[in-house]
Amino acid sequence: MAGTQARGTERGPGRPREERVTGAVLNAVVELVTEQGMQAVTMDAVAALAGVSKPAIYRRWPTKQDLIIAAAETRIGPLSVPDLGDFRAELRVVLMARLEAYRLPGSDRLIAGMIGAAAEADAVRGQYAQYTERITSETRNILERGIARGDVRPDTDVRAAATLVAAPLLFRLIGEQELPDARLVDTLVDLVARAVGSTS
C-alpha cells in the first residue's frame, strides 16, 4: 500500500501539468530530506530540484509546513482496509502497510523532521493534528467495525487504541533508531488484540 501511495505521483506523460508539478515538487522534498536532511528543504532548493518556479510552489503550499505535510502524506497517507471479517487480520494489514512506508529510505528523517517542525513556536498545530487524524482514521474504522462485529470489546476507547497501534512502529524507527520489522508487527497485533479483543 505504501508503495502504491509513493508511486501515485508517477503517472504517464499524458497527465495534466498541474499533476506533474505537484508530483515533481513532493518528490523533490522527499529526495532532499532523504539525502541531506530536513534542513535542506527550502523553497529555493525544492524549486531548483523539481524544475518549477517558486510561485508555482507557493500557490499550492503557502508555507514550508504545508509542503512537508504534503510530502509526508505521499509516504504515510490514509489507508483503506476491506472488511476481512476479523479484527486481527485487518490490524495486520494496517501495520504492514505502515511498516512498508517506514522502511523506505528517508522516511525516518521525513517523519522526525515533521514531528520537530510541529513543535516549533510558529507551527500551526492544527495542520499536524489534522494530518494525524487522517492517517489514523482507518485504524479507528477497523476498531469500530470490530466493535460492531463483536471481536473488539464494546467499551474500547477507540482513540486511545488507535494511538496504541500507531506509536510503537514510530518509536522503534525514531526513538530507538531501528527499522521496524514484520516480527514487531506480529507482536503488536497479538498485544493489541489481547488488549481490546472480545473474550466472548
N, C-alpha and C. Protein backbone atom coordinates (compact mmCIF):
# COMPACT_ATOMS: atom_id res chain seq x y z
N MET A 1 0.82 -1.21 0.00
CA MET A 1 0.00 0.00 0.00
C MET A 1 0.85 1.25 0.00
N ALA A 2 1.86 1.24 0.87
CA ALA A 2 2.72 2.42 0.93
C ALA A 2 3.40 2.66 -0.38
N GLY A 3 3.83 1.56 -1.04
CA GLY A 3 4.48 1.70 -2.33
C GLY A 3 3.54 2.30 -3.35
N THR A 4 2.27 1.89 -3.29
CA THR A 4 1.28 2.44 -4.21
C THR A 4 1.12 3.93 -3.97
N GLN A 5 1.09 4.34 -2.70
CA GLN A 5 0.97 5.76 -2.39
C GLN A 5 2.15 6.53 -2.94
N ALA A 6 3.36 6.00 -2.71
CA ALA A 6 4.56 6.71 -3.12
C ALA A 6 4.63 6.82 -4.63
N ARG A 7 4.11 5.80 -5.36
CA ARG A 7 4.20 5.83 -6.81
C ARG A 7 3.06 6.58 -7.45
N GLY A 8 2.12 7.05 -6.62
CA GLY A 8 0.94 7.69 -7.18
C GLY A 8 1.22 8.95 -7.95
N THR A 9 2.38 9.55 -7.77
CA THR A 9 2.73 10.78 -8.47
C THR A 9 3.53 10.51 -9.74
N GLU A 10 3.64 9.23 -10.14
CA GLU A 10 4.49 8.89 -11.27
C GLU A 10 3.68 8.32 -12.42
N ARG A 11 2.63 8.99 -12.81
CA ARG A 11 1.81 8.51 -13.90
C ARG A 11 2.41 8.88 -15.24
N GLY A 12 1.73 8.47 -16.30
CA GLY A 12 2.28 8.61 -17.64
C GLY A 12 2.38 10.03 -18.14
N PRO A 13 2.96 10.20 -19.32
CA PRO A 13 3.25 11.54 -19.84
C PRO A 13 2.01 12.34 -20.18
N GLY A 14 0.84 11.69 -20.26
CA GLY A 14 -0.37 12.41 -20.63
C GLY A 14 -1.06 13.11 -19.48
N ARG A 15 -0.53 12.98 -18.28
CA ARG A 15 -1.20 13.60 -17.13
C ARG A 15 -1.16 15.11 -17.23
N PRO A 16 -2.11 15.80 -16.59
CA PRO A 16 -2.14 17.26 -16.66
C PRO A 16 -0.90 17.89 -16.04
N ARG A 17 -0.59 19.10 -16.48
CA ARG A 17 0.59 19.80 -15.98
C ARG A 17 0.52 20.00 -14.47
N GLU A 18 -0.68 20.29 -13.97
CA GLU A 18 -0.85 20.52 -12.53
C GLU A 18 -0.35 19.32 -11.74
N GLU A 19 -0.71 18.13 -12.21
CA GLU A 19 -0.32 16.92 -11.51
C GLU A 19 1.19 16.69 -11.62
N ARG A 20 1.76 17.01 -12.78
CA ARG A 20 3.21 16.85 -12.96
C ARG A 20 3.98 17.74 -12.00
N VAL A 21 3.53 18.99 -11.87
CA VAL A 21 4.19 19.92 -10.95
C VAL A 21 4.08 19.42 -9.51
N THR A 22 2.89 19.00 -9.12
CA THR A 22 2.69 18.50 -7.76
C THR A 22 3.61 17.32 -7.48
N GLY A 23 3.64 16.36 -8.39
CA GLY A 23 4.49 15.18 -8.21
C GLY A 23 5.96 15.53 -8.14
N ALA A 24 6.41 16.42 -9.03
CA ALA A 24 7.82 16.80 -9.07
C ALA A 24 8.23 17.49 -7.77
N VAL A 25 7.38 18.35 -7.26
CA VAL A 25 7.70 19.09 -6.04
C VAL A 25 7.76 18.17 -4.83
N LEU A 26 6.76 17.33 -4.66
CA LEU A 26 6.72 16.45 -3.49
C LEU A 26 7.84 15.41 -3.55
N ASN A 27 8.15 14.91 -4.74
CA ASN A 27 9.28 14.00 -4.88
C ASN A 27 10.59 14.70 -4.53
N ALA A 28 10.70 15.98 -4.90
CA ALA A 28 11.90 16.75 -4.59
C ALA A 28 12.08 16.91 -3.08
N VAL A 29 10.99 17.15 -2.37
CA VAL A 29 11.06 17.28 -0.91
C VAL A 29 11.57 15.99 -0.29
N VAL A 30 10.99 14.87 -0.70
CA VAL A 30 11.41 13.58 -0.16
C VAL A 30 12.87 13.31 -0.48
N GLU A 31 13.30 13.63 -1.70
CA GLU A 31 14.69 13.40 -2.09
C GLU A 31 15.66 14.26 -1.27
N LEU A 32 15.31 15.51 -1.07
CA LEU A 32 16.17 16.40 -0.28
C LEU A 32 16.29 15.90 1.16
N VAL A 33 15.17 15.52 1.74
CA VAL A 33 15.19 15.02 3.12
C VAL A 33 16.01 13.74 3.20
N THR A 34 15.80 12.83 2.26
CA THR A 34 16.49 11.55 2.27
C THR A 34 18.00 11.72 2.17
N GLU A 35 18.43 12.61 1.29
CA GLU A 35 19.86 12.74 1.02
C GLU A 35 20.57 13.72 1.95
N GLN A 36 19.86 14.77 2.40
CA GLN A 36 20.54 15.82 3.15
C GLN A 36 19.91 16.17 4.50
N GLY A 37 18.70 15.71 4.74
CA GLY A 37 18.04 16.05 5.99
C GLY A 37 17.05 17.19 5.81
N MET A 38 16.22 17.39 6.84
CA MET A 38 15.15 18.38 6.76
C MET A 38 15.67 19.80 6.56
N GLN A 39 16.87 20.08 7.06
CA GLN A 39 17.40 21.44 6.92
C GLN A 39 17.63 21.83 5.46
N ALA A 40 17.71 20.83 4.58
CA ALA A 40 17.94 21.11 3.15
C ALA A 40 16.68 21.55 2.44
N VAL A 41 15.53 21.39 3.09
CA VAL A 41 14.27 21.71 2.44
C VAL A 41 13.99 23.20 2.55
N THR A 42 14.33 23.92 1.51
CA THR A 42 13.97 25.33 1.36
C THR A 42 13.17 25.46 0.08
N MET A 43 12.40 26.50 -0.04
CA MET A 43 11.62 26.69 -1.25
C MET A 43 12.53 26.81 -2.47
N ASP A 44 13.68 27.47 -2.30
CA ASP A 44 14.63 27.60 -3.41
C ASP A 44 15.15 26.24 -3.85
N ALA A 45 15.55 25.42 -2.87
CA ALA A 45 16.11 24.11 -3.20
C ALA A 45 15.06 23.21 -3.83
N VAL A 46 13.86 23.24 -3.31
CA VAL A 46 12.79 22.40 -3.87
C VAL A 46 12.47 22.84 -5.30
N ALA A 47 12.37 24.15 -5.53
CA ALA A 47 12.06 24.66 -6.86
C ALA A 47 13.14 24.24 -7.86
N ALA A 48 14.41 24.36 -7.44
CA ALA A 48 15.51 24.01 -8.35
C ALA A 48 15.50 22.52 -8.68
N LEU A 49 15.32 21.69 -7.67
CA LEU A 49 15.36 20.25 -7.90
C LEU A 49 14.14 19.77 -8.70
N ALA A 50 12.98 20.37 -8.44
CA ALA A 50 11.76 19.96 -9.14
C ALA A 50 11.66 20.57 -10.54
N GLY A 51 12.45 21.62 -10.79
CA GLY A 51 12.38 22.29 -12.08
C GLY A 51 11.11 23.10 -12.27
N VAL A 52 10.65 23.71 -11.17
CA VAL A 52 9.45 24.54 -11.24
C VAL A 52 9.76 25.90 -10.60
N SER A 53 8.86 26.84 -10.77
CA SER A 53 9.06 28.16 -10.17
C SER A 53 8.60 28.17 -8.72
N LYS A 54 9.18 29.08 -7.94
CA LYS A 54 8.71 29.21 -6.55
C LYS A 54 7.25 29.65 -6.47
N PRO A 55 6.78 30.57 -7.33
CA PRO A 55 5.36 30.91 -7.28
C PRO A 55 4.46 29.69 -7.48
N ALA A 56 4.88 28.74 -8.34
CA ALA A 56 4.07 27.53 -8.55
C ALA A 56 3.98 26.71 -7.28
N ILE A 57 5.06 26.72 -6.49
CA ILE A 57 5.04 26.00 -5.22
C ILE A 57 4.15 26.72 -4.22
N TYR A 58 4.34 28.03 -4.09
CA TYR A 58 3.57 28.80 -3.10
C TYR A 58 2.07 28.79 -3.39
N ARG A 59 1.69 28.67 -4.66
CA ARG A 59 0.26 28.60 -4.98
C ARG A 59 -0.37 27.35 -4.40
N ARG A 60 0.40 26.27 -4.34
CA ARG A 60 -0.14 25.00 -3.84
C ARG A 60 0.08 24.84 -2.34
N TRP A 61 1.25 25.27 -1.87
CA TRP A 61 1.63 25.11 -0.46
C TRP A 61 2.18 26.44 0.03
N PRO A 62 1.36 27.25 0.68
CA PRO A 62 1.77 28.60 1.08
C PRO A 62 2.95 28.63 2.04
N THR A 63 3.16 27.56 2.81
CA THR A 63 4.25 27.55 3.78
C THR A 63 5.06 26.26 3.64
N LYS A 64 6.27 26.29 4.19
CA LYS A 64 7.09 25.09 4.21
C LYS A 64 6.40 23.98 5.00
N GLN A 65 5.67 24.36 6.02
CA GLN A 65 4.92 23.39 6.82
C GLN A 65 3.91 22.63 5.96
N ASP A 66 3.17 23.36 5.13
CA ASP A 66 2.20 22.72 4.22
C ASP A 66 2.91 21.74 3.31
N LEU A 67 4.06 22.14 2.82
CA LEU A 67 4.82 21.34 1.86
C LEU A 67 5.33 20.04 2.51
N ILE A 68 5.83 20.15 3.72
CA ILE A 68 6.36 18.97 4.42
C ILE A 68 5.24 17.98 4.73
N ILE A 69 4.09 18.48 5.17
CA ILE A 69 2.97 17.60 5.45
C ILE A 69 2.51 16.89 4.18
N ALA A 70 2.43 17.63 3.08
CA ALA A 70 2.01 17.02 1.81
C ALA A 70 3.00 15.96 1.36
N ALA A 71 4.30 16.23 1.53
CA ALA A 71 5.31 15.24 1.15
C ALA A 71 5.21 14.01 2.03
N ALA A 72 5.02 14.21 3.32
CA ALA A 72 4.88 13.07 4.24
C ALA A 72 3.68 12.23 3.86
N GLU A 73 2.63 12.88 3.41
CA GLU A 73 1.42 12.13 3.08
C GLU A 73 1.58 11.28 1.82
N THR A 74 2.58 11.58 0.98
CA THR A 74 2.85 10.69 -0.15
C THR A 74 3.46 9.38 0.32
N ARG A 75 4.09 9.40 1.49
CA ARG A 75 4.68 8.19 2.08
C ARG A 75 3.73 7.55 3.08
N ILE A 76 3.23 8.35 4.00
CA ILE A 76 2.39 7.85 5.08
C ILE A 76 1.05 8.58 5.00
N GLY A 77 0.17 8.03 4.20
CA GLY A 77 -1.12 8.66 3.98
C GLY A 77 -2.26 7.77 4.46
N PRO A 78 -3.49 8.20 4.20
CA PRO A 78 -4.65 7.41 4.60
C PRO A 78 -4.64 6.03 3.94
N LEU A 79 -5.21 5.05 4.62
CA LEU A 79 -5.31 3.69 4.12
C LEU A 79 -6.77 3.32 3.90
N SER A 80 -6.98 2.25 3.17
CA SER A 80 -8.32 1.68 3.03
C SER A 80 -8.18 0.17 3.19
N VAL A 81 -8.81 -0.37 4.24
CA VAL A 81 -8.72 -1.80 4.54
C VAL A 81 -10.09 -2.42 4.36
N PRO A 82 -10.22 -3.43 3.51
CA PRO A 82 -11.53 -4.06 3.33
C PRO A 82 -11.97 -4.82 4.56
N ASP A 83 -13.25 -5.09 4.66
CA ASP A 83 -13.78 -5.89 5.77
C ASP A 83 -13.34 -7.34 5.55
N LEU A 84 -12.40 -7.79 6.38
CA LEU A 84 -11.88 -9.16 6.28
C LEU A 84 -12.59 -10.11 7.25
N GLY A 85 -13.53 -9.56 8.00
CA GLY A 85 -14.28 -10.39 8.95
C GLY A 85 -13.52 -10.72 10.21
N ASP A 86 -12.36 -10.09 10.42
CA ASP A 86 -11.53 -10.42 11.58
C ASP A 86 -10.66 -9.22 11.94
N PHE A 87 -10.78 -8.74 13.17
CA PHE A 87 -10.03 -7.56 13.58
C PHE A 87 -8.53 -7.77 13.49
N ARG A 88 -8.04 -8.90 13.93
CA ARG A 88 -6.59 -9.16 13.89
C ARG A 88 -6.05 -9.08 12.47
N ALA A 89 -6.76 -9.66 11.52
CA ALA A 89 -6.32 -9.63 10.12
C ALA A 89 -6.29 -8.21 9.59
N GLU A 90 -7.31 -7.44 9.93
CA GLU A 90 -7.37 -6.05 9.45
C GLU A 90 -6.28 -5.21 10.10
N LEU A 91 -6.04 -5.43 11.38
CA LEU A 91 -4.98 -4.70 12.08
C LEU A 91 -3.63 -5.00 11.46
N ARG A 92 -3.40 -6.24 11.09
CA ARG A 92 -2.13 -6.61 10.47
C ARG A 92 -1.95 -5.91 9.12
N VAL A 93 -3.03 -5.74 8.37
CA VAL A 93 -2.95 -5.01 7.09
C VAL A 93 -2.49 -3.58 7.34
N VAL A 94 -3.09 -2.93 8.34
CA VAL A 94 -2.70 -1.55 8.67
C VAL A 94 -1.22 -1.47 9.05
N LEU A 95 -0.81 -2.33 9.95
CA LEU A 95 0.57 -2.27 10.45
C LEU A 95 1.59 -2.64 9.38
N MET A 96 1.27 -3.59 8.52
CA MET A 96 2.21 -3.96 7.46
C MET A 96 2.34 -2.84 6.42
N ALA A 97 1.24 -2.14 6.15
CA ALA A 97 1.31 -1.00 5.24
C ALA A 97 2.19 0.10 5.81
N ARG A 98 2.04 0.37 7.11
CA ARG A 98 2.89 1.38 7.74
C ARG A 98 4.35 0.92 7.79
N LEU A 99 4.55 -0.35 8.06
CA LEU A 99 5.90 -0.90 8.09
C LEU A 99 6.60 -0.69 6.75
N GLU A 100 5.91 -0.98 5.67
CA GLU A 100 6.49 -0.80 4.34
C GLU A 100 6.89 0.66 4.11
N ALA A 101 6.01 1.59 4.52
CA ALA A 101 6.30 3.00 4.33
C ALA A 101 7.47 3.46 5.19
N TYR A 102 7.52 3.01 6.44
CA TYR A 102 8.57 3.44 7.35
C TYR A 102 9.94 2.91 6.95
N ARG A 103 9.98 1.79 6.25
CA ARG A 103 11.25 1.20 5.85
C ARG A 103 11.82 1.80 4.57
N LEU A 104 11.05 2.67 3.90
CA LEU A 104 11.56 3.34 2.70
C LEU A 104 12.67 4.31 3.09
N PRO A 105 13.69 4.44 2.24
CA PRO A 105 14.79 5.37 2.54
C PRO A 105 14.27 6.79 2.78
N GLY A 106 14.73 7.39 3.86
CA GLY A 106 14.37 8.77 4.15
C GLY A 106 13.12 8.95 4.98
N SER A 107 12.34 7.88 5.17
CA SER A 107 11.11 8.04 5.95
C SER A 107 11.40 8.47 7.38
N ASP A 108 12.50 7.95 7.95
CA ASP A 108 12.83 8.33 9.33
C ASP A 108 13.11 9.83 9.44
N ARG A 109 13.89 10.35 8.50
CA ARG A 109 14.19 11.79 8.53
C ARG A 109 12.94 12.62 8.26
N LEU A 110 12.12 12.17 7.33
CA LEU A 110 10.91 12.91 6.99
C LEU A 110 9.97 12.99 8.18
N ILE A 111 9.75 11.87 8.85
CA ILE A 111 8.84 11.84 9.98
C ILE A 111 9.42 12.61 11.17
N ALA A 112 10.70 12.37 11.46
CA ALA A 112 11.32 13.08 12.58
C ALA A 112 11.31 14.59 12.34
N GLY A 113 11.59 14.99 11.11
CA GLY A 113 11.58 16.41 10.78
C GLY A 113 10.20 17.02 10.91
N MET A 114 9.19 16.27 10.50
CA MET A 114 7.83 16.78 10.61
C MET A 114 7.41 16.92 12.07
N ILE A 115 7.77 15.92 12.89
CA ILE A 115 7.45 16.00 14.32
C ILE A 115 8.15 17.20 14.95
N GLY A 116 9.42 17.39 14.59
CA GLY A 116 10.17 18.54 15.12
C GLY A 116 9.56 19.85 14.68
N ALA A 117 9.15 19.93 13.42
CA ALA A 117 8.55 21.16 12.91
C ALA A 117 7.24 21.46 13.61
N ALA A 118 6.50 20.40 13.99
CA ALA A 118 5.22 20.61 14.67
C ALA A 118 5.40 21.23 16.04
N ALA A 119 6.59 21.05 16.63
CA ALA A 119 6.85 21.56 17.97
C ALA A 119 7.39 22.99 17.96
N GLU A 120 7.67 23.53 16.78
CA GLU A 120 8.20 24.89 16.70
C GLU A 120 7.15 25.90 17.15
N ALA A 121 7.63 27.00 17.67
CA ALA A 121 6.73 28.01 18.25
C ALA A 121 5.75 28.58 17.22
N ASP A 122 6.20 28.67 15.96
CA ASP A 122 5.34 29.29 14.95
C ASP A 122 4.54 28.26 14.15
N ALA A 123 4.56 27.01 14.57
CA ALA A 123 3.84 25.98 13.84
C ALA A 123 2.33 26.13 14.02
N VAL A 124 1.60 25.86 12.97
CA VAL A 124 0.15 25.83 13.05
C VAL A 124 -0.23 24.42 13.47
N ARG A 125 -0.43 24.24 14.77
CA ARG A 125 -0.58 22.90 15.33
C ARG A 125 -1.75 22.13 14.71
N GLY A 126 -2.81 22.87 14.36
CA GLY A 126 -4.00 22.21 13.82
C GLY A 126 -3.72 21.43 12.55
N GLN A 127 -2.78 21.91 11.74
CA GLN A 127 -2.49 21.22 10.48
C GLN A 127 -1.89 19.84 10.74
N TYR A 128 -1.00 19.76 11.72
CA TYR A 128 -0.40 18.46 12.05
C TYR A 128 -1.44 17.54 12.68
N ALA A 129 -2.30 18.10 13.52
CA ALA A 129 -3.35 17.30 14.14
C ALA A 129 -4.30 16.74 13.08
N GLN A 130 -4.62 17.55 12.08
CA GLN A 130 -5.50 17.08 11.01
C GLN A 130 -4.83 15.97 10.21
N TYR A 131 -3.53 16.10 9.97
CA TYR A 131 -2.80 15.04 9.26
C TYR A 131 -2.84 13.74 10.07
N THR A 132 -2.59 13.84 11.37
CA THR A 132 -2.63 12.66 12.23
C THR A 132 -4.01 12.01 12.22
N GLU A 133 -5.05 12.84 12.24
CA GLU A 133 -6.41 12.30 12.18
C GLU A 133 -6.62 11.52 10.89
N ARG A 134 -6.10 12.05 9.79
CA ARG A 134 -6.28 11.36 8.51
C ARG A 134 -5.56 10.01 8.49
N ILE A 135 -4.32 9.98 8.99
CA ILE A 135 -3.56 8.74 8.86
C ILE A 135 -3.95 7.68 9.88
N THR A 136 -4.67 8.08 10.92
CA THR A 136 -5.15 7.08 11.89
C THR A 136 -6.62 6.74 11.68
N SER A 137 -7.24 7.34 10.68
CA SER A 137 -8.68 7.15 10.51
C SER A 137 -9.04 5.70 10.22
N GLU A 138 -8.23 4.98 9.44
CA GLU A 138 -8.59 3.61 9.12
C GLU A 138 -8.42 2.69 10.32
N THR A 139 -7.47 3.00 11.20
CA THR A 139 -7.36 2.22 12.43
C THR A 139 -8.62 2.39 13.27
N ARG A 140 -9.11 3.61 13.37
CA ARG A 140 -10.36 3.84 14.10
C ARG A 140 -11.51 3.09 13.42
N ASN A 141 -11.51 3.10 12.09
CA ASN A 141 -12.57 2.40 11.36
C ASN A 141 -12.58 0.90 11.67
N ILE A 142 -11.40 0.27 11.67
CA ILE A 142 -11.39 -1.18 11.90
C ILE A 142 -11.72 -1.51 13.36
N LEU A 143 -11.38 -0.59 14.27
CA LEU A 143 -11.77 -0.79 15.66
C LEU A 143 -13.30 -0.71 15.81
N GLU A 144 -13.88 0.30 15.18
CA GLU A 144 -15.33 0.45 15.25
C GLU A 144 -16.03 -0.71 14.55
N ARG A 145 -15.46 -1.17 13.46
CA ARG A 145 -16.02 -2.32 12.75
C ARG A 145 -15.93 -3.57 13.62
N GLY A 146 -14.81 -3.70 14.33
CA GLY A 146 -14.64 -4.84 15.23
C GLY A 146 -15.63 -4.80 16.37
N ILE A 147 -15.91 -3.60 16.89
CA ILE A 147 -16.92 -3.47 17.95
C ILE A 147 -18.28 -3.90 17.43
N ALA A 148 -18.63 -3.42 16.23
CA ALA A 148 -19.93 -3.77 15.64
C ALA A 148 -20.03 -5.27 15.36
N ARG A 149 -18.90 -5.86 14.98
CA ARG A 149 -18.87 -7.28 14.63
C ARG A 149 -18.82 -8.16 15.87
N GLY A 150 -18.27 -7.61 16.97
CA GLY A 150 -18.20 -8.35 18.21
C GLY A 150 -16.85 -8.93 18.55
N ASP A 151 -15.80 -8.67 17.73
CA ASP A 151 -14.49 -9.19 18.09
C ASP A 151 -13.58 -8.13 18.72
N VAL A 152 -14.13 -6.95 18.96
CA VAL A 152 -13.46 -5.91 19.76
C VAL A 152 -14.41 -5.53 20.88
N ARG A 153 -13.87 -5.37 22.09
CA ARG A 153 -14.72 -5.07 23.25
C ARG A 153 -15.51 -3.78 23.03
N PRO A 154 -16.79 -3.76 23.40
CA PRO A 154 -17.63 -2.58 23.18
C PRO A 154 -17.21 -1.37 24.01
N ASP A 155 -16.48 -1.59 25.11
CA ASP A 155 -16.05 -0.47 25.95
C ASP A 155 -14.69 0.08 25.55
N THR A 156 -14.17 -0.34 24.41
CA THR A 156 -12.85 0.11 23.95
C THR A 156 -12.84 1.61 23.67
N ASP A 157 -11.83 2.29 24.20
CA ASP A 157 -11.60 3.70 23.87
C ASP A 157 -10.91 3.72 22.50
N VAL A 158 -11.67 4.02 21.47
CA VAL A 158 -11.18 3.89 20.10
C VAL A 158 -10.00 4.81 19.82
N ARG A 159 -10.07 6.04 20.31
CA ARG A 159 -8.97 6.97 20.06
C ARG A 159 -7.69 6.50 20.75
N ALA A 160 -7.80 6.06 22.01
CA ALA A 160 -6.63 5.59 22.73
C ALA A 160 -6.06 4.34 22.07
N ALA A 161 -6.92 3.46 21.61
CA ALA A 161 -6.46 2.24 20.95
C ALA A 161 -5.76 2.56 19.63
N ALA A 162 -6.27 3.55 18.90
CA ALA A 162 -5.63 3.94 17.65
C ALA A 162 -4.23 4.50 17.90
N THR A 163 -4.07 5.25 18.99
CA THR A 163 -2.75 5.75 19.37
C THR A 163 -1.83 4.59 19.74
N LEU A 164 -2.38 3.62 20.44
CA LEU A 164 -1.61 2.43 20.82
C LEU A 164 -1.10 1.69 19.59
N VAL A 165 -1.89 1.65 18.55
CA VAL A 165 -1.49 0.99 17.30
C VAL A 165 -0.41 1.79 16.58
N ALA A 166 -0.58 3.11 16.53
CA ALA A 166 0.31 3.95 15.73
C ALA A 166 1.69 4.15 16.34
N ALA A 167 1.77 4.22 17.66
CA ALA A 167 3.00 4.67 18.30
C ALA A 167 4.20 3.71 18.24
N PRO A 168 4.04 2.41 18.43
CA PRO A 168 5.22 1.55 18.56
C PRO A 168 6.15 1.53 17.34
N LEU A 169 5.59 1.45 16.14
CA LEU A 169 6.45 1.44 14.95
C LEU A 169 7.23 2.74 14.83
N LEU A 170 6.55 3.85 15.13
CA LEU A 170 7.22 5.15 15.06
C LEU A 170 8.33 5.26 16.09
N PHE A 171 8.07 4.78 17.31
CA PHE A 171 9.09 4.87 18.34
C PHE A 171 10.29 3.98 18.02
N ARG A 172 10.02 2.81 17.46
CA ARG A 172 11.12 1.94 17.06
C ARG A 172 11.99 2.64 16.01
N LEU A 173 11.32 3.31 15.05
CA LEU A 173 12.03 3.98 13.95
C LEU A 173 12.76 5.24 14.40
N ILE A 174 12.06 6.10 15.16
CA ILE A 174 12.62 7.42 15.51
C ILE A 174 13.33 7.39 16.85
N GLY A 175 12.71 6.83 17.86
CA GLY A 175 13.29 6.85 19.20
C GLY A 175 14.43 5.85 19.36
N GLU A 176 14.19 4.62 18.94
CA GLU A 176 15.20 3.57 19.10
C GLU A 176 16.14 3.48 17.90
N GLN A 177 15.79 4.20 16.83
CA GLN A 177 16.62 4.29 15.61
C GLN A 177 16.94 2.92 15.03
N GLU A 178 15.89 2.09 14.97
CA GLU A 178 15.98 0.79 14.31
C GLU A 178 14.83 0.67 13.32
N LEU A 179 15.08 -0.03 12.22
CA LEU A 179 13.99 -0.27 11.29
C LEU A 179 13.02 -1.29 11.90
N PRO A 180 11.76 -0.95 11.99
CA PRO A 180 10.80 -1.95 12.47
C PRO A 180 10.71 -3.09 11.45
N ASP A 181 10.29 -4.27 11.91
CA ASP A 181 10.21 -5.42 11.01
C ASP A 181 8.92 -6.19 11.23
N ALA A 182 8.72 -7.23 10.42
CA ALA A 182 7.48 -8.00 10.48
C ALA A 182 7.30 -8.69 11.82
N ARG A 183 8.40 -9.04 12.46
CA ARG A 183 8.30 -9.67 13.78
C ARG A 183 7.66 -8.72 14.78
N LEU A 184 8.06 -7.45 14.73
CA LEU A 184 7.44 -6.46 15.61
C LEU A 184 5.96 -6.32 15.29
N VAL A 185 5.61 -6.31 14.01
CA VAL A 185 4.20 -6.22 13.62
C VAL A 185 3.41 -7.38 14.22
N ASP A 186 3.93 -8.59 14.10
CA ASP A 186 3.23 -9.76 14.64
C ASP A 186 3.03 -9.63 16.16
N THR A 187 4.06 -9.13 16.83
CA THR A 187 3.96 -8.94 18.28
C THR A 187 2.91 -7.90 18.62
N LEU A 188 2.89 -6.80 17.86
CA LEU A 188 1.91 -5.74 18.12
C LEU A 188 0.49 -6.22 17.87
N VAL A 189 0.30 -6.97 16.79
CA VAL A 189 -1.04 -7.50 16.51
C VAL A 189 -1.52 -8.33 17.70
N ASP A 190 -0.64 -9.17 18.22
CA ASP A 190 -1.00 -10.01 19.35
C ASP A 190 -1.31 -9.18 20.60
N LEU A 191 -0.45 -8.20 20.90
CA LEU A 191 -0.64 -7.38 22.10
C LEU A 191 -1.91 -6.54 22.03
N VAL A 192 -2.12 -5.89 20.88
CA VAL A 192 -3.30 -5.03 20.73
C VAL A 192 -4.58 -5.87 20.75
N ALA A 193 -4.55 -7.01 20.07
CA ALA A 193 -5.73 -7.88 20.06
C ALA A 193 -6.06 -8.38 21.47
N ARG A 194 -5.04 -8.68 22.24
CA ARG A 194 -5.29 -9.09 23.63
C ARG A 194 -5.88 -7.94 24.44
N ALA A 195 -5.39 -6.73 24.16
CA ALA A 195 -5.83 -5.57 24.95
C ALA A 195 -7.28 -5.19 24.66
N VAL A 196 -7.71 -5.28 23.40
CA VAL A 196 -9.04 -4.78 23.04
C VAL A 196 -9.97 -5.88 22.56
N GLY A 197 -9.45 -7.10 22.38
CA GLY A 197 -10.28 -8.15 21.81
C GLY A 197 -11.37 -8.62 22.75
N SER A 198 -12.48 -9.00 22.16
CA SER A 198 -13.60 -9.51 22.94
C SER A 198 -13.29 -10.92 23.42
N THR A 199 -13.68 -11.24 24.63
CA THR A 199 -13.46 -12.59 25.17
C THR A 199 -14.67 -13.49 24.96
N SER A 200 -15.72 -12.93 24.39
CA SER A 200 -16.95 -13.72 24.20
C SER A 200 -16.83 -14.63 23.00
